[in-house]
Amino acid sequence: MTLPSTLLENAVDQLATLPGIGRRTATRLALDLLRREPEAVRRFAMAIHELREKVRYCDECCTISDSPICGICSAPMRDRSLICVVEDIRDVVAFENTRQYNGLYHVLGGVISPMDGIGPEDLNMAKLLERAGNGEVKEVILALSATLEGDTTCFYLNKRLKERGAIVSVIARGISVGGELEHVDELTLGRSIMDRKPYGAGSSGT
């Protein structure tokens, strides 16, 4: 696709680096931005800039936060004896949307994937193990996607968490194998955490 402006070309190139955005969609987005008022575009650009430069992560659960401790971890009504372990912030949002879970979370920041060179030391596991051994946490729910990497991570965490005396459970698998939690409807996701079972019960270690 030949574009009449180098400036437009550069904008399209950057927009096309976003996941799920091809060059045709990137061109449409760039042209939309071009039609907006300059102040609106400045606000848009500033929001993206501040997101990258100023965002921080909760000192307890490692999710995205505006303060040292996120709103979920600091909420007095949350059940602090429960920790739901998820891969990333999108999964926290998905579970919160179900309104059926009132415990805390822990964001790993990924899953173990030897093929990609990602091991336990590359994830937020040390903090999780520390939290699980603090005497306050009674149960850790493993809520990772039903993939080979997710199952490998669950297997590893189950062993390490049980060494610290925590009860380990896993969400029910009404979710298709290979499916990612962010794409699961809220009803199915809500039931999956309410119908969780002890890790190791059933087939495939889950």
Protein backbone atom coordinates (compact mmCIF):
# COMPACT_ATOMS: atom_id res chain seq x y z
CA MET A 1 0.00 0.00 0.00
CA THR A 2 1.56 3.26 -1.18
CA LEU A 3 0.79 6.30 0.99
CA PRO A 4 1.10 9.93 -0.17
CA SER A 5 2.91 11.15 2.95
CA THR A 6 5.99 10.00 4.83
CA LEU A 7 4.45 11.30 8.06
CA LEU A 8 1.33 9.22 7.44
CA GLU A 9 3.50 6.24 6.55
CA ASN A 10 5.41 6.54 9.82
CA ALA A 11 2.18 6.74 11.84
CA VAL A 12 0.78 3.69 10.07
CA ASP A 13 4.01 1.77 10.69
CA GLN A 14 3.75 2.43 14.44
CA LEU A 15 0.05 1.63 14.71
CA ALA A 16 0.62 -1.60 12.79
CA THR A 17 2.99 -2.81 15.53
CA LEU A 18 0.02 -3.21 17.88
CA PRO A 19 -1.36 -6.77 18.23
CA GLY A 20 -4.24 -7.54 15.89
CA ILE A 21 -3.73 -4.37 13.84
CA GLY A 22 -2.88 -4.88 10.19
CA ARG A 23 -1.76 -2.12 7.84
CA ARG A 24 -5.24 -1.53 6.45
CA THR A 25 -6.68 -1.00 9.94
CA ALA A 26 -3.61 1.03 10.94
CA THR A 27 -4.18 3.32 7.96
CA ARG A 28 -7.82 3.82 8.92
CA LEU A 29 -6.81 4.67 12.50
CA ALA A 30 -4.11 7.10 11.37
CA LEU A 31 -6.55 8.89 9.07
CA ASP A 32 -9.09 9.09 11.88
CA LEU A 33 -6.49 10.71 14.15
CA LEU A 34 -5.63 13.14 11.36
CA ARG A 35 -9.28 14.29 11.22
CA ARG A 36 -9.42 15.02 14.97
CA GLU A 37 -8.72 18.35 16.60
CA PRO A 38 -5.01 18.81 17.47
CA GLU A 39 -5.82 19.06 21.20
CA ALA A 40 -7.70 15.75 21.08
CA VAL A 41 -4.71 14.07 19.42
CA ARG A 42 -2.37 15.58 22.03
CA ARG A 43 -4.53 14.13 24.84
CA PHE A 44 -4.50 10.77 23.08
CA ALA A 45 -0.72 10.80 22.69
CA MET A 46 -0.17 12.00 26.27
CA ALA A 47 -2.35 9.23 27.69
CA ILE A 48 -0.25 6.61 25.87
CA HIS A 49 3.00 8.31 26.92
CA GLU A 50 1.97 8.51 30.59
CA LEU A 51 0.78 4.89 30.52
CA ARG A 52 4.25 3.78 29.53
CA GLU A 53 6.25 6.19 31.65
CA LYS A 54 4.24 6.41 34.89
CA VAL A 55 2.48 3.06 35.30
CA ARG A 56 3.60 1.00 38.26
CA TYR A 57 2.84 -2.43 39.65
CA CYS A 58 1.28 -3.39 42.97
CA ASP A 59 3.92 -4.34 45.54
CA GLU A 60 1.76 -7.27 46.66
CA CYS A 61 0.00 -8.83 43.68
CA CYS A 62 2.06 -7.38 40.78
CA THR A 63 -0.95 -6.08 38.85
CA ILE A 64 -0.99 -2.64 37.24
CA SER A 65 -1.66 0.07 39.79
CA ASP A 66 -1.55 3.83 40.30
CA SER A 67 -0.23 3.41 43.85
CA PRO A 68 2.17 1.07 45.72
CA ILE A 69 -0.76 -1.17 46.75
CA CYS A 70 -3.59 -1.65 44.27
CA GLY A 71 -7.27 -1.09 45.05
CA ILE A 72 -8.02 -4.81 45.25
CA CYS A 73 -5.22 -5.63 47.70
CA SER A 74 -6.11 -2.63 49.88
CA ALA A 75 -9.88 -3.27 49.92
CA PRO A 76 -10.87 -4.26 53.50
CA MET A 77 -13.76 -6.49 52.36
CA ARG A 78 -11.63 -8.83 50.22
CA ASP A 79 -10.98 -12.36 51.51
CA ARG A 80 -7.24 -12.32 52.24
CA SER A 81 -7.12 -16.08 52.78
CA LEU A 82 -7.62 -16.66 49.02
CA ILE A 83 -5.19 -15.89 46.21
CA CYS A 84 -6.11 -16.46 42.57
CA VAL A 85 -3.01 -16.86 40.39
CA VAL A 86 -3.38 -15.53 36.85
CA GLU A 87 -1.09 -14.92 33.89
CA ASP A 88 -1.66 -11.19 33.35
CA ILE A 89 -3.82 -8.16 34.09
CA ARG A 90 -6.39 -9.13 31.45
CA ASP A 91 -7.29 -12.18 33.51
CA VAL A 92 -7.79 -10.06 36.65
CA VAL A 93 -10.22 -7.88 34.68
CA ALA A 94 -12.02 -10.98 33.37
CA PHE A 95 -12.52 -12.47 36.84
CA GLU A 96 -13.55 -9.14 38.37
CA ASN A 97 -16.22 -8.79 35.67
CA THR A 98 -17.82 -12.06 36.86
CA ARG A 99 -18.45 -10.53 40.33
CA GLN A 100 -18.20 -14.05 41.77
CA TYR A 101 -14.73 -13.89 43.34
CA ASN A 102 -13.88 -11.86 46.43
CA GLY A 103 -10.32 -12.95 47.19
CA LEU A 104 -6.99 -11.49 46.15
CA TYR A 105 -4.94 -12.06 43.00
CA HIS A 106 -1.37 -12.66 41.99
CA VAL A 107 -0.21 -11.80 38.46
CA LEU A 108 2.65 -14.00 37.26
CA GLY A 109 3.42 -11.91 34.19
CA GLY A 110 3.48 -14.98 31.94
CA VAL A 111 3.85 -18.74 32.10
CA ILE A 112 6.78 -21.14 32.04
CA SER A 113 7.77 -21.71 28.42
CA PRO A 114 11.14 -23.43 27.82
CA MET A 115 10.74 -22.99 24.06
CA ASP A 116 10.68 -19.22 24.59
CA GLY A 117 13.40 -19.27 27.23
CA ILE A 118 10.98 -18.37 30.05
CA GLY A 119 11.65 -20.14 33.34
CA PRO A 120 10.25 -19.75 36.88
CA GLU A 121 12.89 -17.13 37.69
CA ASP A 122 11.54 -14.91 34.89
CA LEU A 123 8.07 -14.71 36.45
CA ASN A 124 6.63 -13.12 39.61
CA MET A 125 6.83 -16.37 41.55
CA ALA A 126 9.10 -15.44 44.46
CA LYS A 127 6.57 -12.91 45.76
CA LEU A 128 3.74 -15.44 45.38
CA LEU A 129 5.62 -18.06 47.40
CA GLU A 130 6.36 -15.43 50.03
CA ARG A 131 2.68 -14.49 50.27
CA ALA A 132 1.59 -18.13 50.40
CA GLY A 133 3.83 -18.75 53.39
CA ASN A 134 2.77 -15.75 55.47
CA GLY A 135 0.25 -17.71 57.55
CA GLU A 136 -2.72 -15.65 56.33
CA VAL A 137 -3.26 -17.39 52.99
CA LYS A 138 -5.17 -20.67 53.22
CA GLU A 139 -5.86 -21.48 49.56
CA VAL A 140 -4.17 -20.65 46.27
CA ILE A 141 -6.30 -21.02 43.13
CA LEU A 142 -4.41 -21.68 39.92
CA ALA A 143 -6.33 -19.94 37.12
CA LEU A 144 -4.06 -20.27 34.09
CA SER A 145 -5.03 -20.92 30.49
CA ALA A 146 -5.57 -24.53 29.40
CA THR A 147 -2.36 -24.74 27.37
CA LEU A 148 0.76 -26.88 27.67
CA GLU A 149 2.63 -23.90 29.12
CA GLY A 150 -0.20 -23.17 31.55
CA ASP A 151 -0.31 -26.77 32.75
CA THR A 152 3.48 -26.85 33.15
CA THR A 153 3.30 -23.73 35.28
CA CYS A 154 0.50 -25.20 37.40
CA PHE A 155 2.52 -28.38 37.98
CA TYR A 156 5.53 -26.38 39.13
CA LEU A 157 3.53 -24.05 41.37
CA ASN A 158 1.57 -26.89 42.95
CA LYS A 159 4.79 -28.47 44.19
CA ARG A 160 6.29 -25.22 45.49
CA LEU A 161 3.08 -24.00 47.13
CA LYS A 162 2.42 -27.26 48.94
CA GLU A 163 5.90 -27.00 50.45
CA ARG A 164 4.57 -23.87 52.15
CA GLY A 165 1.47 -25.59 53.47
CA ALA A 166 -1.05 -23.92 51.15
CA ILE A 167 -4.11 -25.72 49.80
CA VAL A 168 -3.82 -25.64 46.00
CA SER A 169 -6.88 -25.78 43.75
CA VAL A 170 -7.49 -25.23 40.06
CA ILE A 171 -10.42 -23.68 38.22
CA ALA A 172 -12.92 -26.08 36.68
CA ARG A 173 -12.28 -26.71 33.01
CA GLY A 174 -15.45 -25.75 31.23
CA ILE A 175 -12.87 -23.88 29.17
CA SER A 176 -11.64 -25.48 25.98
CA VAL A 177 -8.06 -26.76 25.86
CA GLY A 178 -5.84 -24.10 24.40
CA GLY A 179 -8.31 -21.37 25.30
CA GLU A 180 -7.25 -18.11 26.93
CA LEU A 181 -9.23 -16.81 29.89
CA GLU A 182 -9.77 -13.33 28.48
CA HIS A 183 -11.89 -14.80 25.66
CA VAL A 184 -14.15 -16.88 27.94
CA ASP A 185 -17.64 -15.55 28.65
CA GLU A 186 -18.28 -14.24 32.15
CA LEU A 187 -20.78 -16.94 33.13
CA THR A 188 -18.42 -19.79 32.24
CA LEU A 189 -15.48 -18.05 33.88
CA GLY A 190 -17.46 -17.33 37.04
CA ARG A 191 -18.56 -20.95 37.32
CA SER A 192 -15.02 -22.15 36.70
CA ILE A 193 -13.74 -20.45 39.84
CA MET A 194 -16.77 -21.29 41.96
CA ASP A 195 -16.52 -24.98 40.93
CA ARG A 196 -12.75 -25.18 41.45
CA LYS A 197 -11.29 -28.46 42.68
CA PRO A 198 -8.08 -29.62 44.38
CA TYR A 199 -5.09 -29.64 42.06
CA GLY A 200 -4.47 -33.17 40.76
CA ALA A 201 -8.12 -34.26 40.85
CA GLY A 202 -9.36 -35.51 37.51
CA SER A 203 -7.43 -35.98 34.28
CA SER A 204 -4.32 -34.21 32.99
CA GLY A 205 -3.28 -33.18 36.50
CA THR A 206 -6.09 -30.65 36.67
